Amino acid sequence: MAMSVHTQASGRGRRAAWRSAIGMKALMSLSALVLVGYMLLHVLGNLLIFLGPAWINGWGALLHATGPLLWVARLVILAALAVHVAAGVVLSVRARHARPEAYARLTPQASSVASRTMLWTGVALLAFAAYHVPQLTVGWWHPRFVSGDDYANVLRLFRRTTEYPVYAAALAALGLHLYHGTWSMLRTLGVPLPARRPRRAGPATIFTLFVTIGFVAILLAVAGGWLRAPA
C-alpha cells in the first residue's frame, strides 16, 4: 500500500514538473532539437539542386525508398512540432497572465528583435509550412507539378514572380526564429553561451546563417537564371 501511494505521488510530481515553466521550456528545447535537425537535413537536401537534377531527384527518391521509415520520421517531426507549438502557447499565455496590464511604454534594454517577435515569426512559419509542404510534395498551388521531379518542380514554381515575396518573407521569419530559438534551445540544454548580446559568431548564429543563406541562394540562383528549368 505504501509503495502504491509513493508511486502515485511520484507520478504526480513528475507530471507537475513537466507542467512547470522549467518543464515547458525543456519540452520546447527537446522538440526544437528535432526540428533543428530536420531543418539542417532539409537545407542540405535542397542545396543538392546546385549539383543538377540527378542529385536532388536522387535524394528525393532515396528518401521515398526508405518506405515506412520515412513515415516514422514524418510522424516524429509532426509530434515535435505539435509539442513545440503547445509548449510555446502555454508559456505565452502564462506570461500574459503574469502581467495582465501592458507596459505604458516599453523600451527594450537587452532583448533582440528576434526574441521579441518569436510568437509572430512562429505563427508566420506555421502558416508558411501549411502552404509550402503541400505545394512541393503533392503539387497544391503549383503550376506544373511532376511527382518525383524535385528539380523541375522548384524551378517551375518560381517562374511565377508572386512566389518570391512569399518565400522571402518566410525566410526572414525563419532567420529571426532560428537565431533566438536555437540560442535559447542550446542554453536550456546546458550549452554554455553568453546570456546577453553581443553573441558574436556562436553556434546559433552560424547555424542560422547557414540555413537562411542556403535557402536564399536557391532563390537567387533561380531568379538570376543560373539554374534553368526544363521547357
Protein backbone atom coordinates (compact mmCIF):
# COMPACT_ATOMS: atom_id res chain seq x y z
CA MET A 1 0.00 0.00 0.00
CA ALA A 2 2.79 2.38 0.94
CA MET A 3 4.56 1.53 -2.30
CA SER A 4 1.41 2.33 -4.30
CA VAL A 5 0.94 5.70 -2.59
CA HIS A 6 4.60 6.54 -3.13
CA THR A 7 4.36 5.59 -6.84
CA GLN A 8 1.25 7.72 -7.34
CA ALA A 9 2.83 10.68 -5.58
CA SER A 10 5.98 10.27 -7.67
CA GLY A 11 3.93 10.18 -10.87
CA ARG A 12 2.04 13.33 -9.90
CA GLY A 13 5.32 15.01 -9.07
CA ARG A 14 6.78 14.21 -12.48
CA ARG A 15 3.65 15.48 -14.26
CA ALA A 16 3.73 18.67 -12.20
CA ALA A 17 7.41 19.14 -13.06
CA TRP A 18 6.71 18.88 -16.79
CA ARG A 19 3.82 21.34 -16.46
CA SER A 20 6.01 23.88 -14.70
CA ALA A 21 7.70 26.72 -16.59
CA ILE A 22 11.02 24.84 -16.47
CA GLY A 23 9.35 21.67 -17.74
CA MET A 24 7.65 23.52 -20.57
CA LYS A 25 10.94 25.13 -21.60
CA ALA A 26 12.58 21.70 -21.55
CA LEU A 27 9.82 20.33 -23.80
CA MET A 28 10.26 23.27 -26.16
CA SER A 29 14.01 22.70 -26.30
CA LEU A 30 13.79 18.94 -26.88
CA SER A 31 11.18 19.38 -29.60
CA ALA A 32 13.25 22.20 -31.10
CA LEU A 33 16.23 19.85 -31.26
CA VAL A 34 14.23 17.54 -33.53
CA LEU A 35 13.04 20.47 -35.67
CA VAL A 36 16.54 21.94 -35.93
CA GLY A 37 17.88 18.57 -37.06
CA TYR A 38 15.13 18.38 -39.67
CA MET A 39 15.89 21.90 -40.88
CA LEU A 40 19.58 21.04 -41.29
CA LEU A 41 18.77 17.95 -43.37
CA HIS A 42 16.20 19.93 -45.34
CA VAL A 43 18.60 22.67 -46.38
CA LEU A 44 21.38 20.16 -47.19
CA GLY A 45 18.99 18.18 -49.37
CA ASN A 46 17.79 21.33 -51.13
CA LEU A 47 21.34 22.52 -51.82
CA LEU A 48 21.84 19.41 -53.94
CA ILE A 49 19.92 21.33 -56.61
CA PHE A 50 23.22 23.09 -57.46
CA LEU A 51 24.70 19.72 -58.47
CA GLY A 52 21.96 19.11 -61.02
CA PRO A 53 18.66 17.23 -61.43
CA ALA A 54 20.14 13.78 -60.86
CA TRP A 55 21.40 14.70 -57.40
CA ILE A 56 18.34 16.35 -55.90
CA ASN A 57 15.92 13.95 -57.60
CA GLY A 58 18.05 11.05 -56.43
CA TRP A 59 17.92 12.37 -52.87
CA GLY A 60 14.14 12.53 -53.05
CA ALA A 61 13.97 9.00 -54.47
CA LEU A 62 16.28 7.74 -51.72
CA LEU A 63 14.02 9.19 -49.03
CA HIS A 64 10.92 7.60 -50.54
CA ALA A 65 12.75 4.29 -50.91
CA THR A 66 13.00 4.05 -47.12
CA GLY A 67 9.27 3.29 -47.09
CA PRO A 68 7.88 3.06 -43.54
CA LEU A 69 10.96 4.77 -42.08
CA LEU A 70 10.06 7.96 -43.94
CA TRP A 71 6.61 7.94 -42.37
CA VAL A 72 8.13 7.31 -38.94
CA ALA A 73 10.38 10.34 -39.45
CA ARG A 74 7.42 12.44 -40.57
CA LEU A 75 5.41 11.43 -37.52
CA VAL A 76 8.33 12.26 -35.21
CA ILE A 77 8.69 15.69 -36.83
CA LEU A 78 4.94 16.30 -36.65
CA ALA A 79 4.85 15.25 -32.98
CA ALA A 80 7.82 17.52 -32.21
CA LEU A 81 6.07 20.41 -33.97
CA ALA A 82 2.86 19.81 -32.00
CA VAL A 83 4.75 19.69 -28.68
CA HIS A 84 6.76 22.79 -29.61
CA VAL A 85 3.67 24.81 -30.52
CA ALA A 86 1.69 23.63 -27.48
CA ALA A 87 4.52 24.44 -25.05
CA GLY A 88 5.04 27.83 -26.70
CA VAL A 89 1.35 28.70 -26.42
CA VAL A 90 1.23 27.66 -22.75
CA LEU A 91 4.31 29.73 -21.87
CA SER A 92 2.99 32.72 -23.82
CA VAL A 93 -0.40 32.59 -22.09
CA ARG A 94 1.24 32.27 -18.66
CA ALA A 95 3.47 35.25 -19.40
CA ARG A 96 0.44 37.35 -20.34
CA HIS A 97 -1.45 36.28 -17.23
CA ALA A 98 1.56 37.17 -15.11
CA ARG A 99 1.29 40.76 -16.43
CA PRO A 100 -2.35 41.35 -17.47
CA GLU A 101 -1.76 45.09 -17.99
CA ALA A 102 0.66 46.03 -20.73
CA TYR A 103 3.55 48.41 -20.09
CA ALA A 104 2.64 52.07 -20.69
CA ARG A 105 5.94 52.39 -22.51
CA LEU A 106 8.25 49.52 -23.29
CA THR A 107 11.91 50.25 -24.02
CA PRO A 108 13.84 47.00 -24.57
CA GLN A 109 17.28 47.06 -22.96
CA ALA A 110 18.83 43.69 -23.76
CA SER A 111 16.28 41.73 -25.79
CA SER A 112 16.71 41.43 -29.55
CA VAL A 113 14.14 41.83 -32.32
CA ALA A 114 14.34 38.05 -32.78
CA SER A 115 13.41 37.33 -29.14
CA ARG A 116 10.57 39.89 -29.09
CA THR A 117 8.99 38.52 -32.26
CA MET A 118 9.24 34.78 -31.54
CA LEU A 119 5.47 34.35 -31.26
CA TRP A 120 4.75 36.14 -34.53
CA THR A 121 7.55 34.54 -36.52
CA GLY A 122 6.35 31.17 -35.21
CA VAL A 123 2.81 31.87 -36.42
CA ALA A 124 4.16 33.02 -39.79
CA LEU A 125 6.25 29.85 -40.16
CA LEU A 126 3.25 27.64 -39.33
CA ALA A 127 1.19 29.40 -41.99
CA PHE A 128 4.02 29.09 -44.50
CA ALA A 129 4.51 25.38 -43.76
CA ALA A 130 0.81 24.78 -44.42
CA TYR A 131 1.33 26.42 -47.82
CA HIS A 132 4.81 25.17 -48.72
CA VAL A 133 4.69 21.48 -47.77
CA PRO A 134 1.65 20.52 -49.90
CA GLN A 135 2.93 22.74 -52.70
CA LEU A 136 6.16 20.81 -53.20
CA THR A 137 5.09 17.35 -52.07
CA VAL A 138 1.71 16.81 -53.76
CA GLY A 139 1.50 19.80 -56.08
CA TRP A 140 -1.10 22.04 -54.48
CA TRP A 141 -0.91 25.63 -55.75
CA HIS A 142 1.82 24.58 -58.19
CA PRO A 143 1.58 25.48 -61.87
CA ARG A 144 3.25 22.36 -63.33
CA PHE A 145 3.95 19.77 -60.67
CA VAL A 146 5.54 16.44 -61.64
CA SER A 147 5.84 13.82 -58.91
CA GLY A 148 9.45 12.76 -58.37
CA ASP A 149 11.00 15.63 -60.35
CA ASP A 150 12.05 17.88 -57.49
CA TYR A 151 14.49 19.86 -59.63
CA ALA A 152 11.90 20.92 -62.19
CA ASN A 153 9.22 21.46 -59.55
CA VAL A 154 11.35 24.04 -57.73
CA LEU A 155 12.38 25.91 -60.86
CA ARG A 156 8.96 25.89 -62.50
CA LEU A 157 7.38 27.15 -59.30
CA PHE A 158 9.48 30.32 -59.35
CA ARG A 159 8.50 31.17 -62.87
CA ARG A 160 5.66 32.86 -61.01
CA THR A 161 7.21 36.03 -59.61
CA THR A 162 4.45 36.22 -56.98
CA GLU A 163 6.17 33.33 -55.18
CA TYR A 164 9.32 35.34 -54.45
CA PRO A 165 7.87 37.78 -51.88
CA VAL A 166 6.07 34.89 -50.12
CA TYR A 167 9.25 32.84 -49.80
CA ALA A 168 11.39 35.89 -48.97
CA ALA A 169 9.08 36.84 -46.10
CA ALA A 170 9.11 33.24 -44.86
CA LEU A 171 12.91 33.17 -44.89
CA ALA A 172 13.07 36.43 -42.95
CA ALA A 173 10.77 34.92 -40.32
CA LEU A 174 12.81 31.71 -40.34
CA GLY A 175 16.07 33.58 -39.77
CA LEU A 176 14.70 35.53 -36.81
CA HIS A 177 13.05 32.47 -35.27
CA LEU A 178 16.11 30.27 -35.67
CA TYR A 179 18.50 32.89 -34.33
CA HIS A 180 16.84 33.29 -30.96
CA GLY A 181 15.24 29.83 -30.86
CA THR A 182 18.48 27.92 -31.43
CA TRP A 183 20.33 30.06 -28.88
CA SER A 184 17.55 29.54 -26.31
CA MET A 185 17.43 25.79 -27.03
CA LEU A 186 21.17 25.39 -26.51
CA ARG A 187 21.09 27.41 -23.29
CA THR A 188 18.22 25.32 -21.90
CA LEU A 189 20.03 22.10 -22.81
CA GLY A 190 23.09 23.24 -20.87
CA VAL A 191 25.41 24.51 -23.60
CA PRO A 192 27.45 27.43 -22.15
CA LEU A 193 26.55 30.54 -24.15
CA PRO A 194 26.63 34.27 -23.34
CA ALA A 195 23.35 35.35 -21.73
CA ARG A 196 23.38 38.78 -23.32
CA ARG A 197 24.34 40.36 -26.57
CA PRO A 198 26.66 40.51 -28.40
CA ARG A 199 26.51 36.80 -29.11
CA ARG A 200 29.14 37.06 -31.83
CA ALA A 201 29.62 34.09 -34.18
CA GLY A 202 28.29 31.44 -31.82
CA PRO A 203 26.72 28.15 -32.89
CA ALA A 204 23.21 29.65 -33.06
CA THR A 205 24.40 32.45 -35.35
CA ILE A 206 26.41 30.11 -37.58
CA PHE A 207 23.56 27.64 -37.90
CA THR A 208 21.02 30.40 -38.64
CA LEU A 209 23.24 31.95 -41.31
CA PHE A 210 23.94 28.59 -42.94
CA VAL A 211 20.27 27.60 -43.18
CA THR A 212 18.96 31.02 -44.21
CA ILE A 213 21.70 31.77 -46.75
CA GLY A 214 21.35 28.25 -48.15
CA PHE A 215 17.67 28.76 -48.95
CA VAL A 216 18.23 32.33 -50.15
CA ALA A 217 20.98 31.12 -52.51
CA ILE A 218 18.49 28.82 -54.24
CA LEU A 219 16.00 31.66 -54.75
CA LEU A 220 18.71 33.93 -56.11
CA ALA A 221 20.08 31.22 -58.40
CA VAL A 222 16.66 30.65 -59.93
CA ALA A 223 15.87 34.37 -60.20
CA GLY A 224 19.27 35.05 -61.77
CA GLY A 225 18.92 32.27 -64.32
CA TRP A 226 21.87 30.24 -63.02
CA LEU A 227 19.52 27.29 -62.60
CA ARG A 228 17.22 26.62 -65.50
CA ALA A 229 14.08 24.55 -65.58
CA PRO A 230 13.35 22.22 -68.49
CA ALA A 231 10.90 23.51 -71.05
